[in-house]
Amino acid sequence: MILEQTIELLYEIPTGNVDREKALEAVGELKASLNSGEVRAAEQLSGEWRVNAWVKKGILLAFRVGNLVRLPDGETPQFFDKDTMVLKNLTLENNVRVVPGGSAIRDGAFVAPGVVMMPPSYINIGAYVDEHTMIDSHVLVGSCAQVGKRVHLSAGTQIGGVLEPVGSLPVIIEDDVFVGGNCGIYEGAIVRHHAVIGAGVLLTGSTPVYDLVKKVVYRRSGTQSLVIPSHAVVIAGSRSINHPFAEEHHLAMYTPVIIKYRDEKTNAATVLEEGLR
């Protein structure tokens, strides 16, 4: 791909020596491809996710060559940001319902028809949000995060962005996942399809997840991301600390726990948002 080769070359040039006009042209083409969903920061091949590092390099290049400008360009200043990082321009034809009240989508993010955003919420550059996903109030979809179809991201949830290192997978939320309120999913964690993440659960690269059903522990290892299995129901739990002082004071450590796998009863509880569409 010519665009990929161009970005790879420009990325290696020191900022002060880069041809800004050529870089802006490449960044514009990349954002257009990200907006349409033609290009993604990560994609699934034969069931496995892989990162497109050159896309991340293009986003980082956009920050490097951008100048600080007033946004929007008018009489009353509202925002000041890099001129390569403006907001995405939606129209009615996009069929995305964005409720007034402080929500924003950065240019270079793919947001499919049928997505609903409640205010305030934010989708960063490089993110991919697929059809009929609900993004509730105070939700962040971080840079390059990949969110599937019919996902519900409940209020206060943070889907972390993974822009650097460029070779690292971003956070992946597959189709039909339900994420409860005030959750945090970070550091390239992968949540497989139909999983349920209970309110207040935090998933990071350093947090082990204990599966009570299968009697295994899931954790990140080397280049392998933390993976939550399909249909798993994860809640916030705790485990005792084996230390005299901890035992004396009855201290415990937070840990996510898989208590069951999704069944028809669980499915029925996750269709309530349909009335809001």
Protein backbone atom coordinates (compact mmCIF):
# COMPACT_ATOMS: atom_id res chain seq x y z
CA MET A 1 0.00 0.00 0.00
CA ILE A 2 1.47 3.37 -1.06
CA LEU A 3 -0.01 5.20 1.94
CA GLU A 4 1.53 2.72 4.37
CA GLN A 5 4.96 3.07 2.75
CA THR A 6 4.70 6.87 2.78
CA ILE A 7 3.81 7.00 6.48
CA GLU A 8 6.56 4.54 7.38
CA LEU A 9 9.12 6.76 5.63
CA LEU A 10 7.83 10.05 7.08
CA TYR A 11 7.65 8.61 10.59
CA GLU A 12 11.39 7.93 10.63
CA ILE A 13 12.31 11.51 9.67
CA PRO A 14 12.99 13.91 12.59
CA THR A 15 10.12 16.37 13.08
CA GLY A 16 12.21 19.39 12.13
CA ASN A 17 13.23 17.84 8.80
CA VAL A 18 9.94 16.32 7.69
CA ASP A 19 8.18 17.74 4.61
CA ARG A 20 5.07 19.12 6.36
CA GLU A 21 2.95 19.40 3.23
CA LYS A 22 3.66 15.80 2.29
CA ALA A 23 3.00 14.71 5.88
CA LEU A 24 -0.31 16.61 6.00
CA GLU A 25 -1.38 14.97 2.75
CA ALA A 26 -0.57 11.51 4.13
CA VAL A 27 -2.32 12.27 7.44
CA GLY A 28 -5.40 13.50 5.59
CA GLU A 29 -5.54 10.35 3.50
CA LEU A 30 -5.10 8.18 6.59
CA LYS A 31 -7.89 9.95 8.48
CA ALA A 32 -10.22 9.59 5.52
CA SER A 33 -9.51 5.85 5.43
CA LEU A 34 -10.03 5.59 9.20
CA ASN A 35 -13.27 7.55 8.97
CA SER A 36 -14.66 5.15 6.38
CA GLY A 37 -13.50 2.02 8.21
CA GLU A 38 -11.39 1.00 5.23
CA VAL A 39 -8.28 1.11 7.41
CA ARG A 40 -8.14 0.04 11.07
CA ALA A 41 -5.54 0.28 13.81
CA ALA A 42 -6.11 -3.42 14.51
CA GLU A 43 -7.97 -6.16 12.64
CA GLN A 44 -8.98 -9.76 13.16
CA LEU A 45 -7.48 -12.41 10.89
CA SER A 46 -8.41 -16.09 11.32
CA GLY A 47 -9.83 -15.33 14.74
CA GLU A 48 -6.71 -13.56 16.03
CA TRP A 49 -6.24 -9.83 16.43
CA ARG A 50 -3.17 -8.11 15.03
CA VAL A 51 -2.07 -4.50 15.22
CA ASN A 52 -1.42 -2.32 12.17
CA ALA A 53 1.56 -0.43 13.57
CA TRP A 54 1.81 1.84 10.54
CA VAL A 55 -1.65 3.28 11.33
CA LYS A 56 -0.48 4.22 14.82
CA LYS A 57 2.64 5.77 13.30
CA GLY A 58 0.41 7.87 11.05
CA ILE A 59 -1.59 9.12 14.04
CA LEU A 60 1.60 9.98 15.92
CA LEU A 61 2.84 11.76 12.80
CA ALA A 62 -0.35 13.85 12.82
CA PHE A 63 0.45 15.05 16.34
CA ARG A 64 4.06 15.81 15.41
CA VAL A 65 3.29 17.98 12.36
CA GLY A 66 0.16 19.64 13.74
CA ASN A 67 0.03 23.31 14.75
CA LEU A 68 -2.02 24.75 17.58
CA VAL A 69 -5.17 26.42 16.21
CA ARG A 70 -8.48 27.75 17.49
CA LEU A 71 -11.35 25.29 17.05
CA PRO A 72 -13.80 25.99 15.58
CA ASP A 73 -12.48 28.85 13.46
CA GLY A 74 -14.93 31.62 14.39
CA GLU A 75 -15.55 34.70 16.50
CA THR A 76 -15.74 32.92 19.85
CA PRO A 77 -12.85 30.58 20.68
CA GLN A 78 -13.90 27.25 22.19
CA PHE A 79 -10.98 24.84 21.84
CA PHE A 80 -7.29 25.01 21.07
CA ASP A 81 -5.77 21.88 19.54
CA LYS A 82 -3.50 20.67 16.75
CA ASP A 83 -4.90 21.46 13.30
CA THR A 84 -4.49 17.79 12.38
CA MET A 85 -6.75 16.76 15.30
CA VAL A 86 -10.06 18.52 14.51
CA LEU A 87 -13.46 17.03 15.28
CA LYS A 88 -15.15 14.60 12.90
CA ASN A 89 -17.78 16.25 10.71
CA LEU A 90 -20.97 14.18 10.90
CA THR A 91 -24.11 14.66 8.83
CA LEU A 92 -27.61 13.16 9.07
CA GLU A 93 -26.59 10.65 6.41
CA ASN A 94 -24.15 9.04 8.89
CA ASN A 95 -27.18 7.92 10.94
CA VAL A 96 -25.27 8.33 14.22
CA ARG A 97 -27.29 9.80 17.09
CA VAL A 98 -25.12 12.18 19.12
CA VAL A 99 -27.12 13.75 21.98
CA PRO A 100 -26.17 17.39 22.82
CA GLY A 101 -24.14 18.00 25.94
CA GLY A 102 -20.39 17.86 25.45
CA SER A 103 -19.86 14.73 23.33
CA ALA A 104 -17.21 14.67 20.62
CA ILE A 105 -15.75 12.36 18.00
CA ARG A 106 -12.26 13.11 16.76
CA ASP A 107 -11.68 13.11 13.03
CA GLY A 108 -10.08 9.79 12.06
CA ALA A 109 -12.42 7.61 14.12
CA PHE A 110 -14.87 5.18 12.52
CA VAL A 111 -18.39 5.35 13.98
CA ALA A 112 -20.90 3.05 12.25
CA PRO A 113 -24.58 3.76 11.58
CA GLY A 114 -26.85 3.06 14.52
CA VAL A 115 -24.33 4.06 17.20
CA VAL A 116 -25.82 6.09 20.08
CA MET A 117 -23.70 8.50 22.18
CA MET A 118 -25.06 9.96 25.39
CA PRO A 119 -23.51 13.18 26.72
CA PRO A 120 -20.80 13.68 27.65
CA SER A 121 -18.74 11.03 25.89
CA TYR A 122 -15.68 11.00 23.68
CA ILE A 123 -14.27 8.86 20.87
CA ASN A 124 -10.61 9.45 20.07
CA ILE A 125 -8.73 9.24 16.77
CA GLY A 126 -8.04 5.75 15.43
CA ALA A 127 -10.94 4.18 17.34
CA TYR A 128 -13.41 1.88 15.57
CA VAL A 129 -16.98 1.65 16.90
CA ASP A 130 -19.25 -0.75 15.03
CA GLU A 131 -23.00 -0.80 14.38
CA HIS A 132 -25.69 -0.29 17.06
CA THR A 133 -23.27 0.18 19.93
CA MET A 134 -24.46 2.25 22.91
CA ILE A 135 -21.95 4.70 24.39
CA ASP A 136 -23.41 5.98 27.64
CA SER A 137 -22.58 9.15 29.60
CA HIS A 138 -18.98 9.79 30.70
CA VAL A 139 -17.61 7.03 28.47
CA LEU A 140 -14.21 7.33 26.82
CA VAL A 141 -13.27 5.22 23.81
CA GLY A 142 -9.53 5.71 23.65
CA SER A 143 -7.26 6.11 20.65
CA CYS A 144 -7.18 3.02 18.39
CA ALA A 145 -9.60 1.01 20.60
CA GLN A 146 -11.72 -1.44 18.61
CA VAL A 147 -15.37 -1.85 19.68
CA GLY A 148 -17.67 -4.34 17.97
CA LYS A 149 -21.34 -4.49 17.05
CA ARG A 150 -24.18 -4.18 19.59
CA VAL A 151 -21.81 -3.42 22.47
CA HIS A 152 -23.14 -1.55 25.51
CA LEU A 153 -20.60 0.67 27.27
CA SER A 154 -22.35 1.79 30.46
CA ALA A 155 -21.92 5.16 32.16
CA GLY A 156 -18.48 6.06 33.44
CA THR A 157 -16.64 3.32 31.55
CA GLN A 158 -13.14 3.96 30.25
CA ILE A 159 -11.87 2.01 27.23
CA GLY A 160 -8.19 2.82 27.29
CA GLY A 161 -6.25 3.95 24.27
CA VAL A 162 -3.00 2.24 23.29
CA LEU A 163 -1.17 4.47 20.84
CA GLU A 164 2.33 3.64 22.00
CA PRO A 165 4.25 1.39 21.70
CA VAL A 166 3.09 1.25 18.09
CA GLY A 167 3.46 -2.54 17.99
CA SER A 168 1.10 -3.13 20.92
CA LEU A 169 -2.51 -4.16 20.43
CA PRO A 170 -5.12 -1.62 21.51
CA VAL A 171 -8.06 -2.59 23.70
CA ILE A 172 -10.45 -4.89 21.82
CA ILE A 173 -14.15 -5.24 22.70
CA GLU A 174 -15.80 -7.80 20.42
CA ASP A 175 -19.44 -8.05 19.32
CA ASP A 176 -22.36 -8.22 21.78
CA VAL A 177 -20.31 -7.43 24.88
CA PHE A 178 -22.03 -5.73 27.83
CA VAL A 179 -19.78 -3.53 29.98
CA GLY A 180 -21.23 -2.27 33.26
CA GLY A 181 -20.88 1.16 34.82
CA ASN A 182 -17.56 2.61 35.99
CA CYS A 183 -15.45 -0.11 34.39
CA GLY A 184 -11.91 0.39 33.15
CA ILE A 185 -10.43 -1.75 30.39
CA TYR A 186 -6.81 -0.89 29.62
CA GLU A 187 -3.41 -1.98 28.26
CA GLY A 188 -4.57 -3.95 25.25
CA ALA A 189 -7.00 -6.29 27.03
CA ILE A 190 -9.26 -8.31 24.71
CA VAL A 191 -12.88 -8.99 25.69
CA ARG A 192 -14.32 -11.75 23.49
CA HIS A 193 -17.85 -11.70 22.08
CA HIS A 194 -20.94 -11.97 24.32
CA ALA A 195 -18.93 -11.45 27.53
CA VAL A 196 -20.46 -9.46 30.39
CA ILE A 197 -18.19 -7.17 32.43
CA GLY A 198 -19.87 -6.29 35.72
CA ALA A 199 -19.97 -2.79 37.20
CA GLY A 200 -16.69 -1.55 38.63
CA VAL A 201 -14.45 -4.18 37.05
CA LEU A 202 -10.92 -3.10 36.12
CA LEU A 203 -8.98 -5.07 33.52
CA THR A 204 -5.32 -4.27 32.94
CA GLY A 205 -2.25 -6.07 31.69
CA SER A 206 -1.04 -6.72 35.23
CA THR A 207 -4.35 -7.92 36.72
CA PRO A 208 -4.94 -11.70 36.84
CA VAL A 209 -8.52 -12.86 36.25
CA TYR A 210 -9.70 -15.94 38.16
CA ASP A 211 -12.15 -18.28 36.41
CA LEU A 212 -14.19 -20.12 39.05
CA VAL A 213 -15.95 -22.21 36.40
CA LYS A 214 -12.93 -23.53 34.50
CA LYS A 215 -10.53 -23.24 37.46
CA VAL A 216 -7.88 -21.34 35.48
CA VAL A 217 -6.22 -17.94 35.80
CA TYR A 218 -6.02 -15.57 32.82
CA ARG A 219 -3.22 -13.01 32.64
CA ARG A 220 -1.06 -11.20 30.12
CA SER A 221 2.16 -13.01 29.27
CA GLY A 222 4.89 -11.57 27.08
CA THR A 223 3.28 -10.32 23.88
CA GLN A 224 0.01 -12.15 24.62
CA SER A 225 -2.76 -9.83 25.78
CA LEU A 226 -5.09 -10.50 28.67
CA VAL A 227 -8.08 -12.25 27.06
CA ILE A 228 -11.55 -12.54 28.61
CA PRO A 229 -13.26 -15.61 27.08
CA SER A 230 -16.49 -15.48 25.09
CA HIS A 231 -19.70 -15.47 27.20
CA ALA A 232 -17.76 -15.01 30.46
CA VAL A 233 -19.47 -13.03 33.23
CA VAL A 234 -16.84 -11.05 35.14
CA ILE A 235 -17.42 -9.31 38.48
CA ALA A 236 -15.20 -7.35 40.86
CA GLY A 237 -13.86 -9.66 43.58
CA SER A 238 -11.04 -9.90 46.08
CA ARG A 239 -8.44 -12.37 47.29
CA SER A 240 -6.67 -12.55 50.62
CA ILE A 241 -3.10 -11.33 51.04
CA ASN A 242 -0.74 -13.90 52.50
CA HIS A 243 1.19 -11.60 54.82
CA PRO A 244 1.15 -11.36 58.63
CA PHE A 245 0.24 -7.66 58.67
CA ALA A 246 -2.46 -8.20 56.02
CA GLU A 247 -3.88 -11.15 57.92
CA GLU A 248 -3.88 -9.17 61.16
CA HIS A 249 -5.91 -6.40 59.56
CA HIS A 250 -8.02 -8.65 57.33
CA LEU A 251 -6.72 -7.04 54.15
CA ALA A 252 -7.61 -8.29 50.68
CA MET A 253 -6.52 -7.43 47.14
CA TYR A 254 -8.86 -6.53 44.28
CA THR A 255 -9.20 -9.08 41.49
CA PRO A 256 -11.70 -9.72 38.68
CA VAL A 257 -13.51 -13.05 38.94
CA ILE A 258 -15.42 -15.03 36.30
CA ILE A 259 -18.37 -16.39 38.22
CA LYS A 260 -20.35 -17.96 35.36
CA TYR A 261 -20.81 -18.04 31.61
CA ARG A 262 -23.60 -16.11 29.93
CA ASP A 263 -26.97 -17.84 29.60
CA GLU A 264 -30.46 -16.85 28.42
CA LYS A 265 -31.25 -15.19 31.77
CA THR A 266 -28.16 -13.00 31.45
CA ASN A 267 -29.06 -12.15 27.86
CA ALA A 268 -32.51 -10.94 28.88
CA ALA A 269 -30.96 -8.50 31.36
CA THR A 270 -28.87 -6.79 28.69
CA VAL A 271 -31.59 -5.78 26.22
CA LEU A 272 -32.95 -2.92 28.35
CA GLU A 273 -31.10 -0.28 26.32
CA GLU A 274 -33.18 -1.07 23.24
CA GLY A 275 -35.92 1.20 24.59
CA LEU A 276 -33.49 4.14 24.48
CA ARG A 277 -32.70 3.84 20.79
